[in-house]
Amino acid sequence: MTISHNNGQLYNRHTLWRPTLRNYINRTPPQGKRKALAMVTSLLLTLGYSTMIYWLSSIPGETDPENPLLSGIIVWTPPAIQNLAHIPVFGLLALLWHHTLSTWRVKGRRLSASAFLLAAGFGIFDEWHQLHVPGRYASFTDILLNTAGAAIAIWLLSRAAHKQPTA
């Protein structure tokens, strides 16, 4: 079933109800007060997510008798799962930085490079921070996984942005 929209574009029931990443990327940026609100909201969301990552990396690697459930998250989770979790966590951080910077009118390769560098840089900072948390340690593998997560997310985003729509 095809529906004609008022701007002359044709939509089927799938594109009408399931916006794609390409539609999000090609959206019209907000103007005026909406723009300012979008800028502040996206920055706060990104900083809040970064704070959550920092807080999670502050959990001691040893069982804490005062808070056994929270410290047990780190102790009981297998190392392979902990390592693989770095990829989506820092991939999402890169996507959030990409969105935040796009509301600040950063465009093109500078946008992608900046989002990647901010996410990867925070990953390095996070590993340095873990040096000072009891029972935790910094790992070069974790830095590589953080960077890989950011790189994969930016690569998928740029690939979706450049993909030509099918007729």
Foldseek 3Di string as FASTA:
>chain_A
DWDADPVGDIDDPCCVVPPDLLCVVPDDADDDPVLVVQLVVLVVVLVVLLVVLLVLLQQACDQDPVCRVSNCVNVVDDPVVVLLVLQQSLLVSLVSQLSNVVSVVDDDPVSLVVSLCVSLVSQVVSQVSSCPHHNGHHDPSSSVSSSNSNVVSSVVSVCSNPDDDDD
